[in-house]
Amino acid sequence: MGAFIGEIIALSMMALALGMDAFSVALGMGLLRLRLRQMFYIGLTIGLFHILMPLAGMAVGACCRASSEVSRHTRAGRCCYGLAGK
C-alpha cells in the first residue's frame, strides 16, 4: 500500500509540474498579440515536446540502467553529459 501511495504522489507532482509549465506558456501567449493559427502551432509544438521529452528520458534511463558497472549517479551523469553533446 505504501508503494502505491508513493506512485500516486510522484505522478501528481509530475502532473502539477507539467500543468504549471503549460499554464506559463498559455499566459505568455495570452500576453502577446498572436493570431489563432500561431497559437495553434505554438501549442502543438509544446504539446509534442511534453510527450516526446519524457519518453526520451525514459529511454535514456533504460539505457543507463542496462550498464551496471558503475554507480547509478555516475551513469545518470554520463547520460546527461552525452545528451549535452560534450
PDB file of N, CA and C in Angstrom:
ATOM      1  N   MET A   1       0.823  -1.195   0.000  1.00  0.00           N
ATOM      2  CA  MET A   1       0.000   0.000   0.000  1.00  0.00           C
ATOM      3  C   MET A   1       0.868   1.261   0.000  1.00  0.00           C
ATOM      4  N   GLY A   2       2.010   1.222   0.713  1.00  0.00           N
ATOM      5  CA  GLY A   2       2.893   2.383   0.775  1.00  0.00           C
ATOM      6  C   GLY A   2       3.501   2.730  -0.573  1.00  0.00           C
ATOM      7  N   ALA A   3       3.843   1.704  -1.359  1.00  0.00           N
ATOM      8  CA  ALA A   3       4.418   1.948  -2.683  1.00  0.00           C
ATOM      9  C   ALA A   3       3.384   2.587  -3.603  1.00  0.00           C
ATOM     10  N   PHE A   4       2.134   2.175  -3.447  1.00  0.00           N
ATOM     11  CA  PHE A   4       1.056   2.737  -4.267  1.00  0.00           C
ATOM     12  C   PHE A   4       0.883   4.225  -3.967  1.00  0.00           C
ATOM     13  N   ILE A   5       0.919   4.586  -2.697  1.00  0.00           N
ATOM     14  CA  ILE A   5       0.788   5.991  -2.305  1.00  0.00           C
ATOM     15  C   ILE A   5       1.963   6.800  -2.859  1.00  0.00           C
ATOM     16  N   GLY A   6       3.159   6.229  -2.788  1.00  0.00           N
ATOM     17  CA  GLY A   6       4.329   6.901  -3.343  1.00  0.00           C
ATOM     18  C   GLY A   6       4.196   7.133  -4.833  1.00  0.00           C
ATOM     19  N   GLU A   7       3.666   6.143  -5.553  1.00  0.00           N
ATOM     20  CA  GLU A   7       3.461   6.288  -7.003  1.00  0.00           C
ATOM     21  C   GLU A   7       2.444   7.393  -7.298  1.00  0.00           C
ATOM     22  N   ILE A   8       1.374   7.441  -6.520  1.00  0.00           N
ATOM     23  CA  ILE A   8       0.346   8.466  -6.719  1.00  0.00           C
ATOM     24  C   ILE A   8       0.923   9.860  -6.449  1.00  0.00           C
ATOM     25  N   ILE A   9       1.729   9.984  -5.411  1.00  0.00           N
ATOM     26  CA  ILE A   9       2.333  11.278  -5.088  1.00  0.00           C
ATOM     27  C   ILE A   9       3.298  11.706  -6.195  1.00  0.00           C
ATOM     28  N   ALA A  10       4.123  10.780  -6.677  1.00  0.00           N
ATOM     29  CA  ALA A  10       5.074  11.108  -7.749  1.00  0.00           C
ATOM     30  C   ALA A  10       4.343  11.507  -9.024  1.00  0.00           C
ATOM     31  N   LEU A  11       3.306  10.767  -9.376  1.00  0.00           N
ATOM     32  CA  LEU A  11       2.531  11.077 -10.576  1.00  0.00           C
ATOM     33  C   LEU A  11       1.836  12.424 -10.437  1.00  0.00           C
ATOM     34  N   SER A  12       1.318  12.719  -9.258  1.00  0.00           N
ATOM     35  CA  SER A  12       0.654  14.001  -9.019  1.00  0.00           C
ATOM     36  C   SER A  12       1.639  15.158  -9.123  1.00  0.00           C
ATOM     37  N   MET A  13       2.846  14.960  -8.618  1.00  0.00           N
ATOM     38  CA  MET A  13       3.850  16.020  -8.707  1.00  0.00           C
ATOM     39  C   MET A  13       4.261  16.275 -10.155  1.00  0.00           C
ATOM     40  N   MET A  14       4.404  15.220 -10.940  1.00  0.00           N
ATOM     41  CA  MET A  14       4.746  15.406 -12.359  1.00  0.00           C
ATOM     42  C   MET A  14       3.607  16.099 -13.102  1.00  0.00           C
ATOM     43  N   ALA A  15       2.365  15.713 -12.799  1.00  0.00           N
ATOM     44  CA  ALA A  15       1.218  16.343 -13.443  1.00  0.00           C
ATOM     45  C   ALA A  15       1.138  17.816 -13.080  1.00  0.00           C
ATOM     46  N   LEU A  16       1.410  18.149 -11.821  1.00  0.00           N
ATOM     47  CA  LEU A  16       1.396  19.542 -11.392  1.00  0.00           C
ATOM     48  C   LEU A  16       2.483  20.343 -12.108  1.00  0.00           C
ATOM     49  N   ALA A  17       3.670  19.769 -12.220  1.00  0.00           N
ATOM     50  CA  ALA A  17       4.774  20.465 -12.898  1.00  0.00           C
ATOM     51  C   ALA A  17       4.447  20.706 -14.370  1.00  0.00           C
ATOM     52  N   LEU A  18       3.916  19.704 -15.055  1.00  0.00           N
ATOM     53  CA  LEU A  18       3.557  19.886 -16.467  1.00  0.00           C
ATOM     54  C   LEU A  18       2.416  20.880 -16.621  1.00  0.00           C
ATOM     55  N   GLY A  19       1.463  20.838 -15.691  1.00  0.00           N
ATOM     56  CA  GLY A  19       0.359  21.791 -15.740  1.00  0.00           C
ATOM     57  C   GLY A  19       0.826  23.223 -15.534  1.00  0.00           C
ATOM     58  N   MET A  20       1.746  23.427 -14.608  1.00  0.00           N
ATOM     59  CA  MET A  20       2.288  24.771 -14.376  1.00  0.00           C
ATOM     60  C   MET A  20       3.070  25.252 -15.587  1.00  0.00           C
ATOM     61  N   ASP A  21       3.792  24.349 -16.247  1.00  0.00           N
ATOM     62  CA  ASP A  21       4.539  24.711 -17.448  1.00  0.00           C
ATOM     63  C   ASP A  21       3.578  25.113 -18.560  1.00  0.00           C
ATOM     64  N   ALA A  22       2.524  24.336 -18.751  1.00  0.00           N
ATOM     65  CA  ALA A  22       1.540  24.654 -19.782  1.00  0.00           C
ATOM     66  C   ALA A  22       0.837  25.977 -19.469  1.00  0.00           C
ATOM     67  N   PHE A  23       0.562  26.223 -18.193  1.00  0.00           N
ATOM     68  CA  PHE A  23      -0.068  27.484 -17.809  1.00  0.00           C
ATOM     69  C   PHE A  23       0.840  28.667 -18.117  1.00  0.00           C
ATOM     70  N   SER A  24       2.123  28.530 -17.838  1.00  0.00           N
ATOM     71  CA  SER A  24       3.042  29.641 -18.097  1.00  0.00           C
ATOM     72  C   SER A  24       3.141  29.930 -19.590  1.00  0.00           C
ATOM     73  N   VAL A  25       3.125  28.890 -20.409  1.00  0.00           N
ATOM     74  CA  VAL A  25       3.160  29.096 -21.857  1.00  0.00           C
ATOM     75  C   VAL A  25       1.881  29.775 -22.319  1.00  0.00           C
ATOM     76  N   ALA A  26       0.744  29.318 -21.807  1.00  0.00           N
ATOM     77  CA  ALA A  26      -0.534  29.915 -22.186  1.00  0.00           C
ATOM     78  C   ALA A  26      -0.611  31.374 -21.745  1.00  0.00           C
ATOM     79  N   LEU A  27      -0.086  31.662 -20.562  1.00  0.00           N
ATOM     80  CA  LEU A  27      -0.071  33.038 -20.078  1.00  0.00           C
ATOM     81  C   LEU A  27       0.787  33.917 -20.981  1.00  0.00           C
ATOM     82  N   GLY A  28       1.956  33.407 -21.351  1.00  0.00           N
ATOM     83  CA  GLY A  28       2.831  34.154 -22.246  1.00  0.00           C
ATOM     84  C   GLY A  28       2.199  34.382 -23.614  1.00  0.00           C
ATOM     85  N   MET A  29       1.516  33.370 -24.128  1.00  0.00           N
ATOM     86  CA  MET A  29       0.848  33.523 -25.426  1.00  0.00           C
ATOM     87  C   MET A  29      -0.314  34.501 -25.316  1.00  0.00           C
ATOM     88  N   GLY A  30      -0.982  34.517 -24.170  1.00  0.00           N
ATOM     89  CA  GLY A  30      -2.090  35.439 -23.991  1.00  0.00           C
ATOM     90  C   GLY A  30      -1.647  36.889 -23.882  1.00  0.00           C
ATOM     91  N   LEU A  31      -0.432  37.115 -23.406  1.00  0.00           N
ATOM     92  CA  LEU A  31       0.084  38.473 -23.282  1.00  0.00           C
ATOM     93  C   LEU A  31       0.527  39.052 -24.618  1.00  0.00           C
ATOM     94  N   LEU A  32       0.853  38.196 -25.570  1.00  0.00           N
ATOM     95  CA  LEU A  32       1.264  38.655 -26.896  1.00  0.00           C
ATOM     96  C   LEU A  32       0.054  38.715 -27.823  1.00  0.00           C
ATOM     97  N   ARG A  33       0.174  39.517 -28.822  1.00  0.00           N
ATOM     98  CA  ARG A  33      -0.896  39.581 -29.826  1.00  0.00           C
ATOM     99  C   ARG A  33      -0.571  38.568 -30.920  1.00  0.00           C
ATOM    100  N   LEU A  34      -1.077  37.367 -30.749  1.00  0.00           N
ATOM    101  CA  LEU A  34      -0.829  36.299 -31.710  1.00  0.00           C
ATOM    102  C   LEU A  34      -2.120  35.951 -32.437  1.00  0.00           C
ATOM    103  N   ARG A  35      -1.960  35.529 -33.652  1.00  0.00           N
ATOM    104  CA  ARG A  35      -3.119  35.026 -34.395  1.00  0.00           C
ATOM    105  C   ARG A  35      -3.460  33.638 -33.886  1.00  0.00           C
ATOM    106  N   LEU A  36      -4.675  33.242 -34.148  1.00  0.00           N
ATOM    107  CA  LEU A  36      -5.143  31.936 -33.698  1.00  0.00           C
ATOM    108  C   LEU A  36      -4.288  30.813 -34.286  1.00  0.00           C
ATOM    109  N   ARG A  37      -3.880  30.962 -35.530  1.00  0.00           N
ATOM    110  CA  ARG A  37      -3.036  29.947 -36.174  1.00  0.00           C
ATOM    111  C   ARG A  37      -1.680  29.843 -35.485  1.00  0.00           C
ATOM    112  N   GLN A  38      -1.091  30.980 -35.115  1.00  0.00           N
ATOM    113  CA  GLN A  38       0.188  30.971 -34.406  1.00  0.00           C
ATOM    114  C   GLN A  38       0.039  30.296 -33.049  1.00  0.00           C
ATOM    115  N   MET A  39      -1.047  30.598 -32.331  1.00  0.00           N
ATOM    116  CA  MET A  39      -1.298  29.954 -31.043  1.00  0.00           C
ATOM    117  C   MET A  39      -1.428  28.448 -31.197  1.00  0.00           C
ATOM    118  N   PHE A  40      -2.094  28.030 -32.262  1.00  0.00           N
ATOM    119  CA  PHE A  40      -2.262  26.604 -32.512  1.00  0.00           C
ATOM    120  C   PHE A  40      -0.914  25.931 -32.735  1.00  0.00           C
ATOM    121  N   TYR A  41      -0.062  26.520 -33.572  1.00  0.00           N
ATOM    122  CA  TYR A  41       1.235  25.907 -33.862  1.00  0.00           C
ATOM    123  C   TYR A  41       2.156  25.901 -32.635  1.00  0.00           C
ATOM    124  N   ILE A  42       2.124  26.968 -31.868  1.00  0.00           N
ATOM    125  CA  ILE A  42       2.932  27.005 -30.645  1.00  0.00           C
ATOM    126  C   ILE A  42       2.444  25.948 -29.662  1.00  0.00           C
ATOM    127  N   GLY A  43       1.127  25.879 -29.469  1.00  0.00           N
ATOM    128  CA  GLY A  43       0.559  24.871 -28.568  1.00  0.00           C
ATOM    129  C   GLY A  43       0.850  23.454 -29.024  1.00  0.00           C
ATOM    130  N   LEU A  44       0.776  23.213 -30.330  1.00  0.00           N
ATOM    131  CA  LEU A  44       1.071  21.892 -30.871  1.00  0.00           C
ATOM    132  C   LEU A  44       2.534  21.520 -30.654  1.00  0.00           C
ATOM    133  N   THR A  45       3.420  22.471 -30.893  1.00  0.00           N
ATOM    134  CA  THR A  45       4.857  22.221 -30.704  1.00  0.00           C
ATOM    135  C   THR A  45       5.170  21.904 -29.249  1.00  0.00           C
ATOM    136  N   ILE A  46       4.637  22.696 -28.346  1.00  0.00           N
ATOM    137  CA  ILE A  46       4.903  22.471 -26.925  1.00  0.00           C
ATOM    138  C   ILE A  46       4.272  21.166 -26.467  1.00  0.00           C
ATOM    139  N   GLY A  47       3.080  20.856 -26.968  1.00  0.00           N
ATOM    140  CA  GLY A  47       2.450  19.585 -26.635  1.00  0.00           C
ATOM    141  C   GLY A  47       3.279  18.393 -27.089  1.00  0.00           C
ATOM    142  N   LEU A  48       3.846  18.482 -28.288  1.00  0.00           N
ATOM    143  CA  LEU A  48       4.709  17.399 -28.771  1.00  0.00           C
ATOM    144  C   LEU A  48       5.944  17.235 -27.889  1.00  0.00           C
ATOM    145  N   PHE A  49       6.523  18.354 -27.462  1.00  0.00           N
ATOM    146  CA  PHE A  49       7.673  18.267 -26.567  1.00  0.00           C
ATOM    147  C   PHE A  49       7.283  17.675 -25.217  1.00  0.00           C
ATOM    148  N   HIS A  50       6.082  17.978 -24.737  1.00  0.00           N
ATOM    149  CA  HIS A  50       5.621  17.404 -23.468  1.00  0.00           C
ATOM    150  C   HIS A  50       5.399  15.900 -23.586  1.00  0.00           C
ATOM    151  N   ILE A  51       5.198  15.418 -24.773  1.00  0.00           N
ATOM    152  CA  ILE A  51       5.045  13.975 -24.988  1.00  0.00           C
ATOM    153  C   ILE A  51       6.405  13.322 -25.228  1.00  0.00           C
ATOM    154  N   LEU A  52       7.210  13.932 -26.093  1.00  0.00           N
ATOM    155  CA  LEU A  52       8.456  13.290 -26.528  1.00  0.00           C
ATOM    156  C   LEU A  52       9.572  13.343 -25.498  1.00  0.00           C
ATOM    157  N   MET A  53       9.685  14.419 -24.753  1.00  0.00           N
ATOM    158  CA  MET A  53      10.793  14.532 -23.803  1.00  0.00           C
ATOM    159  C   MET A  53      10.715  13.507 -22.664  1.00  0.00           C
ATOM    160  N   PRO A  54       9.554  13.290 -22.045  1.00  0.00           N
ATOM    161  CA  PRO A  54       9.518  12.219 -21.029  1.00  0.00           C
ATOM    162  C   PRO A  54       9.813  10.842 -21.620  1.00  0.00           C
ATOM    163  N   LEU A  55       9.345  10.594 -22.842  1.00  0.00           N
ATOM    164  CA  LEU A  55       9.641   9.312 -23.479  1.00  0.00           C
ATOM    165  C   LEU A  55      11.137   9.167 -23.744  1.00  0.00           C
ATOM    166  N   ALA A  56      11.764  10.254 -24.192  1.00  0.00           N
ATOM    167  CA  ALA A  56      13.214  10.220 -24.418  1.00  0.00           C
ATOM    168  C   ALA A  56      13.952  10.011 -23.100  1.00  0.00           C
ATOM    169  N   GLY A  57      13.493  10.650 -22.042  1.00  0.00           N
ATOM    170  CA  GLY A  57      14.114  10.473 -20.736  1.00  0.00           C
ATOM    171  C   GLY A  57      14.006   9.045 -20.232  1.00  0.00           C
ATOM    172  N   MET A  58      12.843   8.429 -20.448  1.00  0.00           N
ATOM    173  CA  MET A  58      12.683   7.031 -20.036  1.00  0.00           C
ATOM    174  C   MET A  58      13.585   6.109 -20.843  1.00  0.00           C
ATOM    175  N   ALA A  59      13.737   6.403 -22.140  1.00  0.00           N
ATOM    176  CA  ALA A  59      14.605   5.579 -22.979  1.00  0.00           C
ATOM    177  C   ALA A  59      16.062   5.718 -22.558  1.00  0.00           C
ATOM    178  N   VAL A  60      16.495   6.945 -22.292  1.00  0.00           N
ATOM    179  CA  VAL A  60      17.872   7.159 -21.855  1.00  0.00           C
ATOM    180  C   VAL A  60      18.096   6.500 -20.499  1.00  0.00           C
ATOM    181  N   GLY A  61      17.113   6.629 -19.613  1.00  0.00           N
ATOM    182  CA  GLY A  61      17.218   5.982 -18.308  1.00  0.00           C
ATOM    183  C   GLY A  61      17.334   4.480 -18.414  1.00  0.00           C
ATOM    184  N   ALA A  62      16.579   3.876 -19.330  1.00  0.00           N
ATOM    185  CA  ALA A  62      16.660   2.428 -19.530  1.00  0.00           C
ATOM    186  C   ALA A  62      18.030   2.030 -20.068  1.00  0.00           C
ATOM    187  N   CYS A  63      18.588   2.852 -20.963  1.00  0.00           N
ATOM    188  CA  CYS A  63      19.929   2.564 -21.482  1.00  0.00           C
ATOM    189  C   CYS A  63      20.975   2.682 -20.382  1.00  0.00           C
ATOM    190  N   CYS A  64      20.834   3.691 -19.539  1.00  0.00           N
ATOM    191  CA  CYS A  64      21.793   3.877 -18.446  1.00  0.00           C
ATOM    192  C   CYS A  64      21.677   2.748 -17.432  1.00  0.00           C
ATOM    193  N   ARG A  65      20.475   2.261 -17.218  1.00  0.00           N
ATOM    194  CA  ARG A  65      20.269   1.184 -16.260  1.00  0.00           C
ATOM    195  C   ARG A  65      20.881  -0.117 -16.757  1.00  0.00           C
ATOM    196  N   ALA A  66      20.970  -0.271 -18.068  1.00  0.00           N
ATOM    197  CA  ALA A  66      21.474  -1.517 -18.649  1.00  0.00           C
ATOM    198  C   ALA A  66      22.958  -1.727 -18.337  1.00  0.00           C
ATOM    199  N   SER A  67      23.711  -0.641 -18.238  1.00  0.00           N
ATOM    200  CA  SER A  67      25.133  -0.784 -17.910  1.00  0.00           C
ATOM    201  C   SER A  67      25.282  -0.717 -16.394  1.00  0.00           C
ATOM    202  N   SER A  68      25.741  -1.792 -15.791  1.00  0.00           N
ATOM    203  CA  SER A  68      25.726  -1.870 -14.333  1.00  0.00           C
ATOM    204  C   SER A  68      27.124  -1.860 -13.714  1.00  0.00           C
ATOM    205  N   GLU A  69      28.145  -1.427 -14.446  1.00  0.00           N
ATOM    206  CA  GLU A  69      29.494  -1.487 -13.891  1.00  0.00           C
ATOM    207  C   GLU A  69      29.800  -0.317 -12.963  1.00  0.00           C
ATOM    208  N   VAL A  70      29.024   0.749 -13.024  1.00  0.00           N
ATOM    209  CA  VAL A  70      29.284   1.912 -12.174  1.00  0.00           C
ATOM    210  C   VAL A  70      28.023   2.279 -11.397  1.00  0.00           C
ATOM    211  N   SER A  71      28.147   3.217 -10.483  1.00  0.00           N
ATOM    212  CA  SER A  71      27.008   3.587  -9.654  1.00  0.00           C
ATOM    213  C   SER A  71      25.921   4.280 -10.479  1.00  0.00           C
ATOM    214  N   ARG A  72      24.746   4.335  -9.896  1.00  0.00           N
ATOM    215  CA  ARG A  72      23.601   4.922 -10.569  1.00  0.00           C
ATOM    216  C   ARG A  72      23.828   6.404 -10.867  1.00  0.00           C
ATOM    217  N   HIS A  73      24.408   7.131  -9.924  1.00  0.00           N
ATOM    218  CA  HIS A  73      24.622   8.560 -10.113  1.00  0.00           C
ATOM    219  C   HIS A  73      25.643   8.819 -11.217  1.00  0.00           C
ATOM    220  N   THR A  74      26.655   7.994 -11.288  1.00  0.00           N
ATOM    221  CA  THR A  74      27.660   8.143 -12.341  1.00  0.00           C
ATOM    222  C   THR A  74      27.040   7.879 -13.705  1.00  0.00           C
ATOM    223  N   ARG A  75      26.201   6.851 -13.800  1.00  0.00           N
ATOM    224  CA  ARG A  75      25.530   6.559 -15.079  1.00  0.00           C
ATOM    225  C   ARG A  75      24.632   7.703 -15.498  1.00  0.00           C
ATOM    226  N   ALA A  76      23.862   8.258 -14.550  1.00  0.00           N
ATOM    227  CA  ALA A  76      22.970   9.374 -14.878  1.00  0.00           C
ATOM    228  C   ALA A  76      23.768  10.582 -15.335  1.00  0.00           C
ATOM    229  N   GLY A  77      24.889  10.845 -14.672  1.00  0.00           N
ATOM    230  CA  GLY A  77      25.744  11.959 -15.077  1.00  0.00           C
ATOM    231  C   GLY A  77      26.299  11.772 -16.469  1.00  0.00           C
ATOM    232  N   ARG A  78      26.731  10.563 -16.767  1.00  0.00           N
ATOM    233  CA  ARG A  78      27.258  10.283 -18.112  1.00  0.00           C
ATOM    234  C   ARG A  78      26.178  10.446 -19.167  1.00  0.00           C
ATOM    235  N   CYS A  79      24.961  10.006 -18.865  1.00  0.00           N
ATOM    236  CA  CYS A  79      23.854  10.151 -19.823  1.00  0.00           C
ATOM    237  C   CYS A  79      23.561  11.628 -20.079  1.00  0.00           C
ATOM    238  N   CYS A  80      23.501  12.441 -19.037  1.00  0.00           N
ATOM    239  CA  CYS A  80      23.242  13.868 -19.198  1.00  0.00           C
ATOM    240  C   CYS A  80      24.373  14.541 -19.952  1.00  0.00           C
ATOM    241  N   TYR A  81      25.592  14.140 -19.649  1.00  0.00           N
ATOM    242  CA  TYR A  81      26.750  14.700 -20.339  1.00  0.00           C
ATOM    243  C   TYR A  81      26.700  14.335 -21.824  1.00  0.00           C
ATOM    244  N   GLY A  82      26.301  13.102 -22.124  1.00  0.00           N
ATOM    245  CA  GLY A  82      26.181  12.678 -23.512  1.00  0.00           C
ATOM    246  C   GLY A  82      25.080  13.411 -24.250  1.00  0.00           C
ATOM    247  N   LEU A  83      23.972  13.688 -23.558  1.00  0.00           N
ATOM    248  CA  LEU A  83      22.892  14.425 -24.176  1.00  0.00           C
ATOM    249  C   LEU A  83      23.288  15.866 -24.489  1.00  0.00           C
ATOM    250  N   ALA A  84      24.160  16.420 -23.660  1.00  0.00           N
ATOM    251  CA  ALA A  84      24.603  17.791 -23.880  1.00  0.00           C
ATOM    252  C   ALA A  84      25.559  17.891 -25.070  1.00  0.00           C
ATOM    253  N   GLY A  85      26.051  16.753 -25.549  1.00  0.00           N
ATOM    254  CA  GLY A  85      26.908  16.765 -26.721  1.00  0.00           C
ATOM    255  C   GLY A  85      28.354  17.106 -26.416  1.00  0.00           C
ATOM    256  N   LYS A  86      28.772  16.937 -25.206  1.00  0.00           N
ATOM    257  CA  LYS A  86      30.145  17.274 -24.825  1.00  0.00           C
ATOM    258  C   LYS A  86      31.043  16.069 -24.995  1.00  0.00           C
TER     259      LYS A  86
END
